[in-house]
Amino acid sequence: MARSTKQLRRARIWLDVSIIGIQFPVAIALGYFFGRWLDGLFKTAPWLTILFALFGITAGFINLFRITAQAGRAEERLDALEAAEEGKNDAESDPS
């Protein structure tokens, strides 16, 4: 595999991880504002706002763990692929 392809794959992994900085606050904000809207609709302030803000926090943490686990698995696969290629290249260069 070409060196630039390896670098692009690693960059792609870290790009996927960097989305956490956006997803976490967006999940919390969506939960909060949806709960606030429901509180206005049903006149239950502040209970639905609190409940849906907690749902947003939970969703943010679930996304955090899911994305980091996925990135870890992708990094392990890439390392294994690189190790296999290095072993193959070593075997081809050793004529014995």
N, C-alpha and C. Protein backbone atom coordinates (compact mmCIF):
# COMPACT_ATOMS: atom_id res chain seq x y z
N MET A 1 0.85 -1.17 0.00
CA MET A 1 0.00 0.00 0.00
C MET A 1 0.90 1.23 0.00
N ALA A 2 0.58 2.19 -0.78
CA ALA A 2 1.38 3.39 -0.87
C ALA A 2 1.31 4.17 0.44
N ARG A 3 2.40 4.88 0.71
CA ARG A 3 2.48 5.64 1.96
C ARG A 3 1.37 6.69 2.04
N SER A 4 1.07 7.34 0.92
CA SER A 4 0.03 8.37 0.93
C SER A 4 -1.35 7.77 1.23
N THR A 5 -1.59 6.55 0.78
CA THR A 5 -2.87 5.89 1.07
C THR A 5 -2.99 5.60 2.55
N LYS A 6 -1.89 5.18 3.17
CA LYS A 6 -1.89 4.93 4.62
C LYS A 6 -2.17 6.22 5.37
N GLN A 7 -1.54 7.28 4.95
CA GLN A 7 -1.75 8.58 5.60
C GLN A 7 -3.18 9.05 5.43
N LEU A 8 -3.75 8.82 4.26
CA LEU A 8 -5.14 9.22 4.03
C LEU A 8 -6.10 8.41 4.91
N ARG A 9 -5.82 7.13 5.08
CA ARG A 9 -6.68 6.31 5.93
C ARG A 9 -6.60 6.76 7.39
N ARG A 10 -5.41 7.06 7.86
CA ARG A 10 -5.26 7.55 9.23
C ARG A 10 -5.94 8.91 9.38
N ALA A 11 -5.80 9.77 8.40
CA ALA A 11 -6.44 11.08 8.45
C ALA A 11 -7.96 10.92 8.49
N ARG A 12 -8.47 9.95 7.75
CA ARG A 12 -9.92 9.71 7.73
C ARG A 12 -10.41 9.26 9.11
N ILE A 13 -9.64 8.42 9.77
CA ILE A 13 -10.01 7.97 11.12
C ILE A 13 -10.08 9.17 12.06
N TRP A 14 -9.07 10.02 12.04
CA TRP A 14 -9.06 11.17 12.94
C TRP A 14 -10.09 12.22 12.56
N LEU A 15 -10.43 12.30 11.30
CA LEU A 15 -11.51 13.20 10.89
C LEU A 15 -12.83 12.71 11.46
N ASP A 16 -13.06 11.40 11.43
CA ASP A 16 -14.28 10.84 12.01
C ASP A 16 -14.34 11.11 13.51
N VAL A 17 -13.21 11.04 14.19
CA VAL A 17 -13.18 11.28 15.64
C VAL A 17 -13.41 12.75 15.95
N SER A 18 -12.95 13.63 15.10
CA SER A 18 -13.07 15.06 15.36
C SER A 18 -14.52 15.55 15.36
N ILE A 19 -15.42 14.78 14.80
CA ILE A 19 -16.83 15.18 14.75
C ILE A 19 -17.47 15.17 16.14
N ILE A 20 -16.82 14.51 17.10
CA ILE A 20 -17.34 14.45 18.47
C ILE A 20 -17.52 15.85 19.04
N GLY A 21 -16.60 16.73 18.73
CA GLY A 21 -16.67 18.10 19.24
C GLY A 21 -17.92 18.83 18.80
N ILE A 22 -18.52 18.41 17.71
CA ILE A 22 -19.74 19.03 17.22
C ILE A 22 -20.96 18.24 17.68
N GLN A 23 -20.89 16.93 17.60
CA GLN A 23 -22.05 16.09 17.92
C GLN A 23 -22.48 16.18 19.38
N PHE A 24 -21.53 16.27 20.28
CA PHE A 24 -21.87 16.27 21.70
C PHE A 24 -22.73 17.48 22.07
N PRO A 25 -22.31 18.71 21.80
CA PRO A 25 -23.16 19.84 22.16
C PRO A 25 -24.46 19.92 21.34
N VAL A 26 -24.43 19.44 20.10
CA VAL A 26 -25.65 19.46 19.29
C VAL A 26 -26.70 18.52 19.89
N ALA A 27 -26.29 17.34 20.34
CA ALA A 27 -27.23 16.39 20.95
C ALA A 27 -27.84 16.99 22.21
N ILE A 28 -27.04 17.66 23.02
CA ILE A 28 -27.55 18.28 24.25
C ILE A 28 -28.51 19.42 23.90
N ALA A 29 -28.13 20.25 22.95
CA ALA A 29 -28.98 21.38 22.58
C ALA A 29 -30.30 20.91 21.99
N LEU A 30 -30.27 19.89 21.15
CA LEU A 30 -31.52 19.37 20.58
C LEU A 30 -32.44 18.85 21.67
N GLY A 31 -31.88 18.10 22.61
CA GLY A 31 -32.69 17.59 23.72
C GLY A 31 -33.27 18.71 24.55
N TYR A 32 -32.46 19.70 24.86
CA TYR A 32 -32.92 20.83 25.67
C TYR A 32 -34.04 21.60 24.99
N PHE A 33 -33.82 21.98 23.74
CA PHE A 33 -34.82 22.79 23.05
C PHE A 33 -36.09 22.01 22.72
N PHE A 34 -35.97 20.71 22.46
CA PHE A 34 -37.16 19.90 22.25
C PHE A 34 -37.96 19.81 23.54
N GLY A 35 -37.28 19.60 24.66
CA GLY A 35 -37.96 19.56 25.95
C GLY A 35 -38.60 20.89 26.30
N ARG A 36 -37.91 21.97 25.98
CA ARG A 36 -38.47 23.30 26.24
C ARG A 36 -39.73 23.55 25.40
N TRP A 37 -39.69 23.10 24.15
CA TRP A 37 -40.86 23.25 23.28
C TRP A 37 -42.03 22.43 23.83
N LEU A 38 -41.74 21.20 24.25
CA LEU A 38 -42.80 20.37 24.83
C LEU A 38 -43.34 20.95 26.12
N ASP A 39 -42.48 21.55 26.94
CA ASP A 39 -42.93 22.21 28.16
C ASP A 39 -43.89 23.35 27.83
N GLY A 40 -43.60 24.10 26.80
CA GLY A 40 -44.51 25.17 26.39
C GLY A 40 -45.82 24.64 25.86
N LEU A 41 -45.76 23.50 25.19
CA LEU A 41 -46.95 22.90 24.61
C LEU A 41 -47.86 22.31 25.69
N PHE A 42 -47.26 21.61 26.64
CA PHE A 42 -48.05 20.92 27.67
C PHE A 42 -48.08 21.64 29.01
N LYS A 43 -47.43 22.77 29.13
CA LYS A 43 -47.38 23.57 30.37
C LYS A 43 -46.85 22.74 31.54
N THR A 44 -45.72 22.07 31.32
CA THR A 44 -45.13 21.21 32.35
C THR A 44 -43.75 21.70 32.79
N ALA A 45 -43.45 22.97 32.55
CA ALA A 45 -42.10 23.50 32.83
C ALA A 45 -41.69 23.20 34.26
N PRO A 46 -40.50 22.86 34.49
CA PRO A 46 -39.32 22.62 33.68
C PRO A 46 -39.05 21.14 33.45
N TRP A 47 -40.01 20.29 33.73
CA TRP A 47 -39.75 18.84 33.78
C TRP A 47 -39.35 18.23 32.44
N LEU A 48 -40.03 18.55 31.38
CA LEU A 48 -39.65 17.96 30.09
C LEU A 48 -38.34 18.53 29.57
N THR A 49 -38.07 19.80 29.91
CA THR A 49 -36.78 20.38 29.53
C THR A 49 -35.65 19.61 30.20
N ILE A 50 -35.79 19.36 31.48
CA ILE A 50 -34.77 18.60 32.22
C ILE A 50 -34.64 17.19 31.66
N LEU A 51 -35.77 16.53 31.45
CA LEU A 51 -35.77 15.16 30.97
C LEU A 51 -35.09 15.05 29.61
N PHE A 52 -35.46 15.90 28.68
CA PHE A 52 -34.89 15.80 27.33
C PHE A 52 -33.46 16.33 27.27
N ALA A 53 -33.08 17.23 28.16
CA ALA A 53 -31.68 17.63 28.24
C ALA A 53 -30.84 16.44 28.72
N LEU A 54 -31.36 15.68 29.66
CA LEU A 54 -30.66 14.47 30.11
C LEU A 54 -30.59 13.44 28.99
N PHE A 55 -31.67 13.32 28.21
CA PHE A 55 -31.63 12.42 27.05
C PHE A 55 -30.55 12.87 26.06
N GLY A 56 -30.42 14.18 25.86
CA GLY A 56 -29.40 14.72 24.96
C GLY A 56 -28.00 14.44 25.47
N ILE A 57 -27.80 14.58 26.78
CA ILE A 57 -26.49 14.27 27.37
C ILE A 57 -26.18 12.79 27.19
N THR A 58 -27.17 11.95 27.43
CA THR A 58 -26.98 10.50 27.26
C THR A 58 -26.65 10.17 25.81
N ALA A 59 -27.37 10.77 24.88
CA ALA A 59 -27.11 10.54 23.46
C ALA A 59 -25.71 11.01 23.08
N GLY A 60 -25.27 12.13 23.65
CA GLY A 60 -23.92 12.61 23.39
C GLY A 60 -22.86 11.64 23.86
N PHE A 61 -23.04 11.08 25.06
CA PHE A 61 -22.08 10.11 25.58
C PHE A 61 -22.10 8.81 24.77
N ILE A 62 -23.28 8.38 24.37
CA ILE A 62 -23.36 7.17 23.55
C ILE A 62 -22.62 7.37 22.23
N ASN A 63 -22.81 8.52 21.61
CA ASN A 63 -22.08 8.83 20.37
C ASN A 63 -20.58 8.89 20.62
N LEU A 64 -20.19 9.48 21.75
CA LEU A 64 -18.77 9.56 22.09
C LEU A 64 -18.15 8.17 22.17
N PHE A 65 -18.79 7.27 22.91
CA PHE A 65 -18.25 5.92 23.06
C PHE A 65 -18.30 5.14 21.75
N ARG A 66 -19.36 5.31 20.98
CA ARG A 66 -19.50 4.59 19.72
C ARG A 66 -18.42 5.03 18.72
N ILE A 67 -18.20 6.32 18.60
CA ILE A 67 -17.23 6.83 17.64
C ILE A 67 -15.81 6.46 18.05
N THR A 68 -15.49 6.57 19.34
CA THR A 68 -14.13 6.23 19.76
C THR A 68 -13.87 4.73 19.62
N ALA A 69 -14.85 3.90 19.90
CA ALA A 69 -14.67 2.45 19.71
C ALA A 69 -14.49 2.13 18.23
N GLN A 70 -15.28 2.75 17.39
CA GLN A 70 -15.18 2.53 15.95
C GLN A 70 -13.81 2.98 15.43
N ALA A 71 -13.31 4.10 15.91
CA ALA A 71 -12.00 4.59 15.49
C ALA A 71 -10.90 3.66 15.98
N GLY A 72 -11.05 3.14 17.19
CA GLY A 72 -10.07 2.19 17.71
C GLY A 72 -10.00 0.92 16.88
N ARG A 73 -11.16 0.41 16.50
CA ARG A 73 -11.19 -0.80 15.66
C ARG A 73 -10.57 -0.52 14.29
N ALA A 74 -10.86 0.64 13.72
CA ALA A 74 -10.29 0.99 12.41
C ALA A 74 -8.78 1.14 12.50
N GLU A 75 -8.30 1.73 13.59
CA GLU A 75 -6.86 1.89 13.79
C GLU A 75 -6.19 0.52 13.93
N GLU A 76 -6.81 -0.39 14.65
CA GLU A 76 -6.26 -1.75 14.81
C GLU A 76 -6.22 -2.49 13.46
N ARG A 77 -7.28 -2.36 12.68
CA ARG A 77 -7.29 -3.00 11.36
C ARG A 77 -6.19 -2.44 10.46
N LEU A 78 -6.01 -1.13 10.50
CA LEU A 78 -4.97 -0.50 9.70
C LEU A 78 -3.58 -0.93 10.16
N ASP A 79 -3.37 -1.03 11.47
CA ASP A 79 -2.08 -1.51 11.98
C ASP A 79 -1.82 -2.95 11.55
N ALA A 80 -2.85 -3.79 11.63
CA ALA A 80 -2.70 -5.19 11.22
C ALA A 80 -2.40 -5.29 9.73
N LEU A 81 -3.06 -4.47 8.93
CA LEU A 81 -2.81 -4.47 7.50
C LEU A 81 -1.38 -4.03 7.18
N GLU A 82 -0.92 -3.00 7.88
CA GLU A 82 0.46 -2.54 7.68
C GLU A 82 1.46 -3.60 8.11
N ALA A 83 1.20 -4.27 9.23
CA ALA A 83 2.11 -5.32 9.70
C ALA A 83 2.15 -6.49 8.71
N ALA A 84 1.00 -6.84 8.16
CA ALA A 84 0.94 -7.93 7.19
C ALA A 84 1.71 -7.55 5.92
N GLU A 85 1.60 -6.32 5.49
CA GLU A 85 2.33 -5.87 4.31
C GLU A 85 3.83 -5.83 4.55
N GLU A 86 4.23 -5.42 5.76
CA GLU A 86 5.65 -5.42 6.08
C GLU A 86 6.19 -6.83 6.09
N GLY A 87 5.44 -7.78 6.64
CA GLY A 87 5.84 -9.18 6.64
C GLY A 87 5.95 -9.73 5.23
N LYS A 88 5.02 -9.34 4.39
CA LYS A 88 5.03 -9.79 2.99
C LYS A 88 6.25 -9.21 2.26
N ASN A 89 6.52 -7.94 2.49
CA ASN A 89 7.68 -7.29 1.84
C ASN A 89 8.98 -7.90 2.33
N ASP A 90 9.07 -8.24 3.63
CA ASP A 90 10.27 -8.87 4.18
C ASP A 90 10.47 -10.24 3.55
N ALA A 91 9.38 -11.00 3.37
CA ALA A 91 9.46 -12.32 2.79
C ALA A 91 9.89 -12.26 1.32
N GLU A 92 9.45 -11.24 0.61
CA GLU A 92 9.82 -11.11 -0.81
C GLU A 92 11.27 -10.69 -0.95
N SER A 93 11.80 -9.90 -0.02
CA SER A 93 13.19 -9.43 -0.13
C SER A 93 14.19 -10.46 0.38
N ASP A 94 13.73 -11.44 1.18
CA ASP A 94 14.62 -12.48 1.71
C ASP A 94 14.55 -13.71 0.80
N PRO A 95 15.58 -13.94 -0.02
CA PRO A 95 15.51 -15.04 -1.00
C PRO A 95 15.73 -16.43 -0.38
N SER A 96 16.02 -16.58 0.89
CA SER A 96 16.29 -17.90 1.47
C SER A 96 15.08 -18.68 1.71
